[in-house]
Amino acid sequence: MKHTCPHCGKKSFSPLMKARCGGMSSAGKPCPECGVRCVNGKVSLAVNSILRLAAFVMIIITYFIHEPGNYMQIFLFGAVPLIAAFVLGFLFDMFFGKLIEAIKRQ
């Protein structure tokens, strides 16, 4: 399943290439066909922001609720949500959303 380049309209991005294009604040990756740099759009930005905010809230809740000596609970409710947020965001970028032309110059 290939994704369409917003500039030339050809299906030239594999899911892994699309996920590695980065967000709107990155320089993006060039299209293999036309060479124009592309990034993931606003939907990707919103989804990644919500996922990371949820992970941050879980970390804050963990900090205040769990007792200091219980490191396994702190790890499970602190580090795992953060890792899950990054992985889910990467998977979302691979399969959903649209690519847009990069605004940022390299």
PDB file of N, CA and C in Angstrom:
ATOM      1  N   MET A   1       0.849  -1.180   0.000  1.00  0.00           N
ATOM      2  CA  MET A   1       0.000   0.000   0.000  1.00  0.00           C
ATOM      3  C   MET A   1       0.892   1.240   0.000  1.00  0.00           C
ATOM      4  N   LYS A   2       0.847   1.979  -1.067  1.00  0.00           N
ATOM      5  CA  LYS A   2       1.664   3.183  -1.186  1.00  0.00           C
ATOM      6  C   LYS A   2       0.808   4.421  -0.929  1.00  0.00           C
ATOM      7  N   HIS A   3       1.467   5.491  -0.479  1.00  0.00           N
ATOM      8  CA  HIS A   3       0.791   6.753  -0.213  1.00  0.00           C
ATOM      9  C   HIS A   3       1.152   7.759  -1.305  1.00  0.00           C
ATOM     10  N   THR A   4       0.234   8.666  -1.569  1.00  0.00           N
ATOM     11  CA  THR A   4       0.358   9.601  -2.677  1.00  0.00           C
ATOM     12  C   THR A   4       1.164  10.839  -2.283  1.00  0.00           C
ATOM     13  N   CYS A   5       2.065  11.239  -3.152  1.00  0.00           N
ATOM     14  CA  CYS A   5       2.806  12.487  -2.976  1.00  0.00           C
ATOM     15  C   CYS A   5       1.859  13.654  -3.252  1.00  0.00           C
ATOM     16  N   PRO A   6       1.819  14.675  -2.376  1.00  0.00           N
ATOM     17  CA  PRO A   6       0.906  15.797  -2.605  1.00  0.00           C
ATOM     18  C   PRO A   6       1.326  16.689  -3.769  1.00  0.00           C
ATOM     19  N   HIS A   7       2.575  16.595  -4.201  1.00  0.00           N
ATOM     20  CA  HIS A   7       3.055  17.464  -5.270  1.00  0.00           C
ATOM     21  C   HIS A   7       2.843  16.849  -6.651  1.00  0.00           C
ATOM     22  N   CYS A   8       3.362  15.629  -6.853  1.00  0.00           N
ATOM     23  CA  CYS A   8       3.284  15.020  -8.185  1.00  0.00           C
ATOM     24  C   CYS A   8       2.089  14.083  -8.350  1.00  0.00           C
ATOM     25  N   GLY A   9       1.453  13.674  -7.231  1.00  0.00           N
ATOM     26  CA  GLY A   9       0.272  12.819  -7.308  1.00  0.00           C
ATOM     27  C   GLY A   9       0.558  11.350  -7.542  1.00  0.00           C
ATOM     28  N   LYS A  10       1.825  10.949  -7.514  1.00  0.00           N
ATOM     29  CA  LYS A  10       2.172   9.535  -7.717  1.00  0.00           C
ATOM     30  C   LYS A  10       2.238   8.812  -6.374  1.00  0.00           C
ATOM     31  N   LYS A  11       1.898   7.548  -6.379  1.00  0.00           N
ATOM     32  CA  LYS A  11       1.964   6.730  -5.167  1.00  0.00           C
ATOM     33  C   LYS A  11       3.405   6.264  -4.982  1.00  0.00           C
ATOM     34  N   SER A  12       4.195   7.091  -4.303  1.00  0.00           N
ATOM     35  CA  SER A  12       5.625   6.822  -4.214  1.00  0.00           C
ATOM     36  C   SER A  12       6.128   6.619  -2.788  1.00  0.00           C
ATOM     37  N   PHE A  13       5.294   6.780  -1.764  1.00  0.00           N
ATOM     38  CA  PHE A  13       5.727   6.638  -0.376  1.00  0.00           C
ATOM     39  C   PHE A  13       5.220   5.331   0.213  1.00  0.00           C
ATOM     40  N   SER A  14       6.138   4.492   0.684  1.00  0.00           N
ATOM     41  CA  SER A  14       5.745   3.292   1.416  1.00  0.00           C
ATOM     42  C   SER A  14       5.298   3.731   2.813  1.00  0.00           C
ATOM     43  N   PRO A  15       4.576   2.877   3.554  1.00  0.00           N
ATOM     44  CA  PRO A  15       4.154   3.275   4.903  1.00  0.00           C
ATOM     45  C   PRO A  15       5.321   3.649   5.818  1.00  0.00           C
ATOM     46  N   LEU A  16       6.432   2.925   5.750  1.00  0.00           N
ATOM     47  CA  LEU A  16       7.579   3.254   6.584  1.00  0.00           C
ATOM     48  C   LEU A  16       8.186   4.596   6.185  1.00  0.00           C
ATOM     49  N   MET A  17       8.285   4.856   4.892  1.00  0.00           N
ATOM     50  CA  MET A  17       8.788   6.158   4.427  1.00  0.00           C
ATOM     51  C   MET A  17       7.876   7.282   4.896  1.00  0.00           C
ATOM     52  N   LYS A  18       6.561   7.054   4.824  1.00  0.00           N
ATOM     53  CA  LYS A  18       5.598   8.072   5.234  1.00  0.00           C
ATOM     54  C   LYS A  18       5.732   8.375   6.719  1.00  0.00           C
ATOM     55  N   ALA A  19       5.878   7.345   7.537  1.00  0.00           N
ATOM     56  CA  ALA A  19       6.009   7.550   8.980  1.00  0.00           C
ATOM     57  C   ALA A  19       7.293   8.299   9.318  1.00  0.00           C
ATOM     58  N   ARG A  20       8.328   8.095   8.542  1.00  0.00           N
ATOM     59  CA  ARG A  20       9.610   8.751   8.801  1.00  0.00           C
ATOM     60  C   ARG A  20       9.692  10.163   8.230  1.00  0.00           C
ATOM     61  N   CYS A  21       8.639  10.624   7.567  1.00  0.00           N
ATOM     62  CA  CYS A  21       8.633  11.990   7.023  1.00  0.00           C
ATOM     63  C   CYS A  21       8.630  13.043   8.125  1.00  0.00           C
ATOM     64  N   GLY A  22       8.078  12.701   9.271  1.00  0.00           N
ATOM     65  CA  GLY A  22       8.056  13.644  10.380  1.00  0.00           C
ATOM     66  C   GLY A  22       6.834  14.537  10.348  1.00  0.00           C
ATOM     67  N   GLY A  23       6.764  15.393  11.341  1.00  0.00           N
ATOM     68  CA  GLY A  23       5.636  16.307  11.476  1.00  0.00           C
ATOM     69  C   GLY A  23       5.845  17.605  10.730  1.00  0.00           C
ATOM     70  N   MET A  24       4.925  18.528  10.939  1.00  0.00           N
ATOM     71  CA  MET A  24       4.930  19.782  10.197  1.00  0.00           C
ATOM     72  C   MET A  24       6.122  20.674  10.534  1.00  0.00           C
ATOM     73  N   SER A  25       6.746  20.452  11.685  1.00  0.00           N
ATOM     74  CA  SER A  25       7.896  21.281  12.052  1.00  0.00           C
ATOM     75  C   SER A  25       9.221  20.708  11.555  1.00  0.00           C
ATOM     76  N   SER A  26       9.177  19.540  10.902  1.00  0.00           N
ATOM     77  CA  SER A  26      10.412  18.937  10.397  1.00  0.00           C
ATOM     78  C   SER A  26      10.641  19.319   8.928  1.00  0.00           C
ATOM     79  N   ALA A  27      11.816  19.010   8.450  1.00  0.00           N
ATOM     80  CA  ALA A  27      12.148  19.312   7.057  1.00  0.00           C
ATOM     81  C   ALA A  27      11.505  18.317   6.097  1.00  0.00           C
ATOM     82  N   GLY A  28      11.101  17.136   6.598  1.00  0.00           N
ATOM     83  CA  GLY A  28      10.440  16.141   5.761  1.00  0.00           C
ATOM     84  C   GLY A  28      11.410  15.284   4.977  1.00  0.00           C
ATOM     85  N   LYS A  29      10.834  14.423   4.173  1.00  0.00           N
ATOM     86  CA  LYS A  29      11.612  13.521   3.312  1.00  0.00           C
ATOM     87  C   LYS A  29      11.235  13.789   1.860  1.00  0.00           C
ATOM     88  N   PRO A  30      12.209  13.692   0.947  1.00  0.00           N
ATOM     89  CA  PRO A  30      11.897  13.947  -0.461  1.00  0.00           C
ATOM     90  C   PRO A  30      11.132  12.789  -1.102  1.00  0.00           C
ATOM     91  N   CYS A  31      10.239  13.138  -2.009  1.00  0.00           N
ATOM     92  CA  CYS A  31       9.505  12.145  -2.790  1.00  0.00           C
ATOM     93  C   CYS A  31      10.498  11.449  -3.725  1.00  0.00           C
ATOM     94  N   PRO A  32      10.463  10.120  -3.809  1.00  0.00           N
ATOM     95  CA  PRO A  32      11.373   9.414  -4.715  1.00  0.00           C
ATOM     96  C   PRO A  32      11.146   9.761  -6.185  1.00  0.00           C
ATOM     97  N   GLU A  33       9.946  10.202  -6.537  1.00  0.00           N
ATOM     98  CA  GLU A  33       9.625  10.521  -7.932  1.00  0.00           C
ATOM     99  C   GLU A  33      10.005  11.951  -8.312  1.00  0.00           C
ATOM    100  N   CYS A  34       9.536  12.935  -7.522  1.00  0.00           N
ATOM    101  CA  CYS A  34       9.718  14.338  -7.933  1.00  0.00           C
ATOM    102  C   CYS A  34      10.739  15.098  -7.092  1.00  0.00           C
ATOM    103  N   GLY A  35      11.103  14.579  -5.920  1.00  0.00           N
ATOM    104  CA  GLY A  35      12.116  15.218  -5.093  1.00  0.00           C
ATOM    105  C   GLY A  35      11.607  16.299  -4.159  1.00  0.00           C
ATOM    106  N   VAL A  36      10.318  16.620  -4.169  1.00  0.00           N
ATOM    107  CA  VAL A  36       9.759  17.632  -3.278  1.00  0.00           C
ATOM    108  C   VAL A  36       9.623  17.021  -1.884  1.00  0.00           C
ATOM    109  N   ARG A  37      10.000  17.778  -0.865  1.00  0.00           N
ATOM    110  CA  ARG A  37       9.937  17.282   0.511  1.00  0.00           C
ATOM    111  C   ARG A  37       8.501  17.282   1.014  1.00  0.00           C
ATOM    112  N   CYS A  38       8.123  16.195   1.711  1.00  0.00           N
ATOM    113  CA  CYS A  38       6.771  16.032   2.228  1.00  0.00           C
ATOM    114  C   CYS A  38       6.819  15.712   3.718  1.00  0.00           C
ATOM    115  N   VAL A  39       5.781  16.128   4.440  1.00  0.00           N
ATOM    116  CA  VAL A  39       5.632  15.845   5.869  1.00  0.00           C
ATOM    117  C   VAL A  39       4.208  15.365   6.127  1.00  0.00           C
ATOM    118  N   ASN A  40       3.978  14.786   7.309  1.00  0.00           N
ATOM    119  CA  ASN A  40       2.634  14.406   7.715  1.00  0.00           C
ATOM    120  C   ASN A  40       1.874  15.665   8.117  1.00  0.00           C
ATOM    121  N   GLY A  41       0.575  15.703   7.845  1.00  0.00           N
ATOM    122  CA  GLY A  41      -0.218  16.910   8.002  1.00  0.00           C
ATOM    123  C   GLY A  41      -0.754  17.182   9.397  1.00  0.00           C
ATOM    124  N   LYS A  42      -1.788  18.025   9.445  1.00  0.00           N
ATOM    125  CA  LYS A  42      -2.348  18.512  10.698  1.00  0.00           C
ATOM    126  C   LYS A  42      -3.017  17.413  11.518  1.00  0.00           C
ATOM    127  N   VAL A  43      -3.613  16.438  10.863  1.00  0.00           N
ATOM    128  CA  VAL A  43      -4.259  15.346  11.602  1.00  0.00           C
ATOM    129  C   VAL A  43      -3.210  14.571  12.394  1.00  0.00           C
ATOM    130  N   SER A  44      -2.066  14.325  11.804  1.00  0.00           N
ATOM    131  CA  SER A  44      -0.978  13.644  12.494  1.00  0.00           C
ATOM    132  C   SER A  44      -0.512  14.464  13.694  1.00  0.00           C
ATOM    133  N   LEU A  45      -0.408  15.770  13.511  1.00  0.00           N
ATOM    134  CA  LEU A  45      -0.016  16.658  14.600  1.00  0.00           C
ATOM    135  C   LEU A  45      -1.005  16.569  15.755  1.00  0.00           C
ATOM    136  N   ALA A  46      -2.295  16.584  15.453  1.00  0.00           N
ATOM    137  CA  ALA A  46      -3.324  16.517  16.489  1.00  0.00           C
ATOM    138  C   ALA A  46      -3.302  15.173  17.214  1.00  0.00           C
ATOM    139  N   VAL A  47      -3.222  14.089  16.473  1.00  0.00           N
ATOM    140  CA  VAL A  47      -3.223  12.755  17.088  1.00  0.00           C
ATOM    141  C   VAL A  47      -1.987  12.571  17.972  1.00  0.00           C
ATOM    142  N   ASN A  48      -0.822  12.947  17.478  1.00  0.00           N
ATOM    143  CA  ASN A  48       0.394  12.808  18.274  1.00  0.00           C
ATOM    144  C   ASN A  48       0.350  13.692  19.518  1.00  0.00           C
ATOM    145  N   SER A  49      -0.207  14.878  19.407  1.00  0.00           N
ATOM    146  CA  SER A  49      -0.321  15.763  20.568  1.00  0.00           C
ATOM    147  C   SER A  49      -1.247  15.175  21.622  1.00  0.00           C
ATOM    148  N   ILE A  50      -2.370  14.627  21.203  1.00  0.00           N
ATOM    149  CA  ILE A  50      -3.319  14.024  22.147  1.00  0.00           C
ATOM    150  C   ILE A  50      -2.702  12.801  22.820  1.00  0.00           C
ATOM    151  N   LEU A  51      -2.035  11.961  22.058  1.00  0.00           N
ATOM    152  CA  LEU A  51      -1.400  10.772  22.635  1.00  0.00           C
ATOM    153  C   LEU A  51      -0.332  11.152  23.660  1.00  0.00           C
ATOM    154  N   ARG A  52       0.475  12.133  23.349  1.00  0.00           N
ATOM    155  CA  ARG A  52       1.547  12.531  24.270  1.00  0.00           C
ATOM    156  C   ARG A  52       0.997  13.265  25.486  1.00  0.00           C
ATOM    157  N   LEU A  53      -0.087  14.017  25.309  1.00  0.00           N
ATOM    158  CA  LEU A  53      -0.729  14.665  26.446  1.00  0.00           C
ATOM    159  C   LEU A  53      -1.316  13.617  27.394  1.00  0.00           C
ATOM    160  N   ALA A  54      -1.950  12.581  26.841  1.00  0.00           N
ATOM    161  CA  ALA A  54      -2.494  11.501  27.672  1.00  0.00           C
ATOM    162  C   ALA A  54      -1.381  10.795  28.435  1.00  0.00           C
ATOM    163  N   ALA A  55      -0.245  10.555  27.785  1.00  0.00           N
ATOM    164  CA  ALA A  55       0.889   9.920  28.459  1.00  0.00           C
ATOM    165  C   ALA A  55       1.421  10.819  29.566  1.00  0.00           C
ATOM    166  N   PHE A  56       1.492  12.111  29.312  1.00  0.00           N
ATOM    167  CA  PHE A  56       1.967  13.064  30.317  1.00  0.00           C
ATOM    168  C   PHE A  56       1.043  13.095  31.530  1.00  0.00           C
ATOM    169  N   VAL A  57      -0.261  13.075  31.284  1.00  0.00           N
ATOM    170  CA  VAL A  57      -1.234  13.061  32.384  1.00  0.00           C
ATOM    171  C   VAL A  57      -1.071  11.794  33.213  1.00  0.00           C
ATOM    172  N   MET A  58      -0.877  10.660  32.563  1.00  0.00           N
ATOM    173  CA  MET A  58      -0.671   9.403  33.301  1.00  0.00           C
ATOM    174  C   MET A  58       0.602   9.457  34.140  1.00  0.00           C
ATOM    175  N   ILE A  59       1.638  10.080  33.620  1.00  0.00           N
ATOM    176  CA  ILE A  59       2.882  10.204  34.381  1.00  0.00           C
ATOM    177  C   ILE A  59       2.680  11.090  35.608  1.00  0.00           C
ATOM    178  N   ILE A  60       1.968  12.194  35.446  1.00  0.00           N
ATOM    179  CA  ILE A  60       1.699  13.096  36.572  1.00  0.00           C
ATOM    180  C   ILE A  60       0.838  12.390  37.618  1.00  0.00           C
ATOM    181  N   ILE A  61      -0.198  11.681  37.178  1.00  0.00           N
ATOM    182  CA  ILE A  61      -1.043  10.938  38.114  1.00  0.00           C
ATOM    183  C   ILE A  61      -0.218   9.893  38.858  1.00  0.00           C
ATOM    184  N   THR A  62       0.639   9.200  38.152  1.00  0.00           N
ATOM    185  CA  THR A  62       1.502   8.188  38.770  1.00  0.00           C
ATOM    186  C   THR A  62       2.406   8.816  39.822  1.00  0.00           C
ATOM    187  N   TYR A  63       2.923   9.982  39.530  1.00  0.00           N
ATOM    188  CA  TYR A  63       3.823  10.664  40.459  1.00  0.00           C
ATOM    189  C   TYR A  63       3.124  10.972  41.782  1.00  0.00           C
ATOM    190  N   PHE A  64       1.858  11.382  41.716  1.00  0.00           N
ATOM    191  CA  PHE A  64       1.159  11.775  42.930  1.00  0.00           C
ATOM    192  C   PHE A  64       0.438  10.628  43.636  1.00  0.00           C
ATOM    193  N   ILE A  65       0.066   9.567  42.946  1.00  0.00           N
ATOM    194  CA  ILE A  65      -0.737   8.504  43.548  1.00  0.00           C
ATOM    195  C   ILE A  65       0.098   7.362  44.107  1.00  0.00           C
ATOM    196  N   HIS A  66       1.076   6.891  43.357  1.00  0.00           N
ATOM    197  CA  HIS A  66       1.811   5.691  43.778  1.00  0.00           C
ATOM    198  C   HIS A  66       2.873   6.035  44.815  1.00  0.00           C
ATOM    199  N   GLU A  67       3.096   5.062  45.717  1.00  0.00           N
ATOM    200  CA  GLU A  67       4.096   5.301  46.740  1.00  0.00           C
ATOM    201  C   GLU A  67       5.503   5.265  46.138  1.00  0.00           C
ATOM    202  N   PRO A  68       6.419   6.003  46.727  1.00  0.00           N
ATOM    203  CA  PRO A  68       7.764   6.163  46.133  1.00  0.00           C
ATOM    204  C   PRO A  68       8.566   4.882  45.990  1.00  0.00           C
ATOM    205  N   GLY A  69       8.352   3.876  46.855  1.00  0.00           N
ATOM    206  CA  GLY A  69       9.179   2.674  46.795  1.00  0.00           C
ATOM    207  C   GLY A  69       8.747   1.651  45.766  1.00  0.00           C
ATOM    208  N   ASN A  70       7.574   1.792  45.194  1.00  0.00           N
ATOM    209  CA  ASN A  70       7.053   0.795  44.267  1.00  0.00           C
ATOM    210  C   ASN A  70       7.470   1.147  42.835  1.00  0.00           C
ATOM    211  N   TYR A  71       8.671   0.731  42.458  1.00  0.00           N
ATOM    212  CA  TYR A  71       9.239   1.123  41.168  1.00  0.00           C
ATOM    213  C   TYR A  71       8.577   0.440  39.983  1.00  0.00           C
ATOM    214  N   MET A  72       8.029  -0.754  40.192  1.00  0.00           N
ATOM    215  CA  MET A  72       7.370  -1.450  39.085  1.00  0.00           C
ATOM    216  C   MET A  72       6.104  -0.714  38.662  1.00  0.00           C
ATOM    217  N   GLN A  73       5.308  -0.250  39.613  1.00  0.00           N
ATOM    218  CA  GLN A  73       4.112   0.521  39.262  1.00  0.00           C
ATOM    219  C   GLN A  73       4.484   1.844  38.619  1.00  0.00           C
ATOM    220  N   ILE A  74       5.534   2.480  39.119  1.00  0.00           N
ATOM    221  CA  ILE A  74       5.975   3.745  38.533  1.00  0.00           C
ATOM    222  C   ILE A  74       6.414   3.521  37.085  1.00  0.00           C
ATOM    223  N   PHE A  75       7.111   2.406  36.822  1.00  0.00           N
ATOM    224  CA  PHE A  75       7.531   2.101  35.456  1.00  0.00           C
ATOM    225  C   PHE A  75       6.323   1.798  34.569  1.00  0.00           C
ATOM    226  N   LEU A  76       5.411   0.953  35.058  1.00  0.00           N
ATOM    227  CA  LEU A  76       4.251   0.553  34.254  1.00  0.00           C
ATOM    228  C   LEU A  76       3.333   1.729  33.931  1.00  0.00           C
ATOM    229  N   PHE A  77       3.117   2.611  34.900  1.00  0.00           N
ATOM    230  CA  PHE A  77       2.200   3.725  34.674  1.00  0.00           C
ATOM    231  C   PHE A  77       2.913   5.013  34.277  1.00  0.00           C
ATOM    232  N   GLY A  78       4.247   4.994  34.226  1.00  0.00           N
ATOM    233  CA  GLY A  78       4.996   6.180  33.852  1.00  0.00           C
ATOM    234  C   GLY A  78       5.681   6.053  32.499  1.00  0.00           C
ATOM    235  N   ALA A  79       6.546   5.065  32.370  1.00  0.00           N
ATOM    236  CA  ALA A  79       7.333   4.920  31.141  1.00  0.00           C
ATOM    237  C   ALA A  79       6.551   4.232  30.033  1.00  0.00           C
ATOM    238  N   VAL A  80       5.757   3.230  30.373  1.00  0.00           N
ATOM    239  CA  VAL A  80       5.030   2.475  29.348  1.00  0.00           C
ATOM    240  C   VAL A  80       4.056   3.363  28.564  1.00  0.00           C
ATOM    241  N   PRO A  81       3.274   4.251  29.219  1.00  0.00           N
ATOM    242  CA  PRO A  81       2.394   5.129  28.428  1.00  0.00           C
ATOM    243  C   PRO A  81       3.157   6.050  27.477  1.00  0.00           C
ATOM    244  N   LEU A  82       4.314   6.513  27.900  1.00  0.00           N
ATOM    245  CA  LEU A  82       5.102   7.378  27.024  1.00  0.00           C
ATOM    246  C   LEU A  82       5.609   6.613  25.805  1.00  0.00           C
ATOM    247  N   ILE A  83       6.107   5.405  26.028  1.00  0.00           N
ATOM    248  CA  ILE A  83       6.564   4.565  24.918  1.00  0.00           C
ATOM    249  C   ILE A  83       5.392   4.216  24.003  1.00  0.00           C
ATOM    250  N   ALA A  84       4.243   3.881  24.604  1.00  0.00           N
ATOM    251  CA  ALA A  84       3.051   3.548  23.815  1.00  0.00           C
ATOM    252  C   ALA A  84       2.588   4.735  22.982  1.00  0.00           C
ATOM    253  N   ALA A  85       2.679   5.948  23.529  1.00  0.00           N
ATOM    254  CA  ALA A  85       2.269   7.141  22.782  1.00  0.00           C
ATOM    255  C   ALA A  85       3.139   7.320  21.535  1.00  0.00           C
ATOM    256  N   PHE A  86       4.437   7.128  21.667  1.00  0.00           N
ATOM    257  CA  PHE A  86       5.325   7.264  20.512  1.00  0.00           C
ATOM    258  C   PHE A  86       5.075   6.165  19.477  1.00  0.00           C
ATOM    259  N   VAL A  87       4.885   4.934  19.945  1.00  0.00           N
ATOM    260  CA  VAL A  87       4.647   3.820  19.018  1.00  0.00           C
ATOM    261  C   VAL A  87       3.317   3.986  18.298  1.00  0.00           C
ATOM    262  N   LEU A  88       2.254   4.329  19.034  1.00  0.00           N
ATOM    263  CA  LEU A  88       0.943   4.532  18.403  1.00  0.00           C
ATOM    264  C   LEU A  88       0.965   5.709  17.434  1.00  0.00           C
ATOM    265  N   GLY A  89       1.684   6.767  17.781  1.00  0.00           N
ATOM    266  CA  GLY A  89       1.824   7.899  16.864  1.00  0.00           C
ATOM    267  C   GLY A  89       2.547   7.509  15.586  1.00  0.00           C
ATOM    268  N   PHE A  90       3.591   6.695  15.723  1.00  0.00           N
ATOM    269  CA  PHE A  90       4.338   6.215  14.553  1.00  0.00           C
ATOM    270  C   PHE A  90       3.448   5.351  13.664  1.00  0.00           C
ATOM    271  N   LEU A  91       2.667   4.457  14.294  1.00  0.00           N
ATOM    272  CA  LEU A  91       1.755   3.597  13.520  1.00  0.00           C
ATOM    273  C   LEU A  91       0.667   4.420  12.839  1.00  0.00           C
ATOM    274  N   PHE A  92       0.163   5.450  13.512  1.00  0.00           N
ATOM    275  CA  PHE A  92      -0.833   6.316  12.893  1.00  0.00           C
ATOM    276  C   PHE A  92      -0.236   7.006  11.663  1.00  0.00           C
ATOM    277  N   ASP A  93       0.995   7.493  11.805  1.00  0.00           N
ATOM    278  CA  ASP A  93       1.651   8.155  10.675  1.00  0.00           C
ATOM    279  C   ASP A  93       1.892   7.194   9.520  1.00  0.00           C
ATOM    280  N   MET A  94       2.090   5.914   9.812  1.00  0.00           N
ATOM    281  CA  MET A  94       2.329   4.941   8.751  1.00  0.00           C
ATOM    282  C   MET A  94       1.097   4.707   7.880  1.00  0.00           C
ATOM    283  N   PHE A  95      -0.067   4.630   8.495  1.00  0.00           N
ATOM    284  CA  PHE A  95      -1.235   4.148   7.771  1.00  0.00           C
ATOM    285  C   PHE A  95      -2.359   5.162   7.575  1.00  0.00           C
ATOM    286  N   PHE A  96      -2.383   6.244   8.332  1.00  0.00           N
ATOM    287  CA  PHE A  96      -3.497   7.188   8.254  1.00  0.00           C
ATOM    288  C   PHE A  96      -2.993   8.596   7.990  1.00  0.00           C
ATOM    289  N   GLY A  97      -3.913   9.478   7.704  1.00  0.00           N
ATOM    290  CA  GLY A  97      -3.545  10.865   7.460  1.00  0.00           C
ATOM    291  C   GLY A  97      -3.000  11.075   6.061  1.00  0.00           C
ATOM    292  N   LYS A  98      -2.769  12.325   5.749  1.00  0.00           N
ATOM    293  CA  LYS A  98      -2.260  12.681   4.421  1.00  0.00           C
ATOM    294  C   LYS A  98      -0.896  13.342   4.535  1.00  0.00           C
ATOM    295  N   LEU A  99      -0.147  13.219   3.476  1.00  0.00           N
ATOM    296  CA  LEU A  99       1.120  13.946   3.374  1.00  0.00           C
ATOM    297  C   LEU A  99       0.837  15.337   2.799  1.00  0.00           C
ATOM    298  N   ILE A 100       1.623  16.301   3.239  1.00  0.00           N
ATOM    299  CA  ILE A 100       1.552  17.649   2.675  1.00  0.00           C
ATOM    300  C   ILE A 100       2.976  18.078   2.318  1.00  0.00           C
ATOM    301  N   GLU A 101       3.071  19.096   1.497  1.00  0.00           N
ATOM    302  CA  GLU A 101       4.408  19.617   1.164  1.00  0.00           C
ATOM    303  C   GLU A 101       5.009  20.287   2.393  1.00  0.00           C
ATOM    304  N   ALA A 102       6.306  20.098   2.588  1.00  0.00           N
ATOM    305  CA  ALA A 102       6.995  20.684   3.731  1.00  0.00           C
ATOM    306  C   ALA A 102       7.103  22.196   3.563  1.00  0.00           C
ATOM    307  N   ILE A 103       6.852  22.910   4.630  1.00  0.00           N
ATOM    308  CA  ILE A 103       6.969  24.364   4.627  1.00  0.00           C
ATOM    309  C   ILE A 103       8.381  24.779   5.014  1.00  0.00           C
ATOM    310  N   LYS A 104       8.949  24.051   5.964  1.00  0.00           N
ATOM    311  CA  LYS A 104      10.267  24.376   6.482  1.00  0.00           C
ATOM    312  C   LYS A 104      11.345  24.083   5.459  1.00  0.00           C
ATOM    313  N   ARG A 105      12.214  25.023   5.284  1.00  0.00           N
ATOM    314  CA  ARG A 105      13.374  24.833   4.387  1.00  0.00           C
ATOM    315  C   ARG A 105      14.491  24.178   5.165  1.00  0.00           C
ATOM    316  N   GLN A 106      15.300  23.402   4.485  1.00  0.00           N
ATOM    317  CA  GLN A 106      16.389  22.699   5.151  1.00  0.00           C
ATOM    318  C   GLN A 106      17.591  23.568   5.287  1.00  0.00           C
TER     319      GLN A 106
END
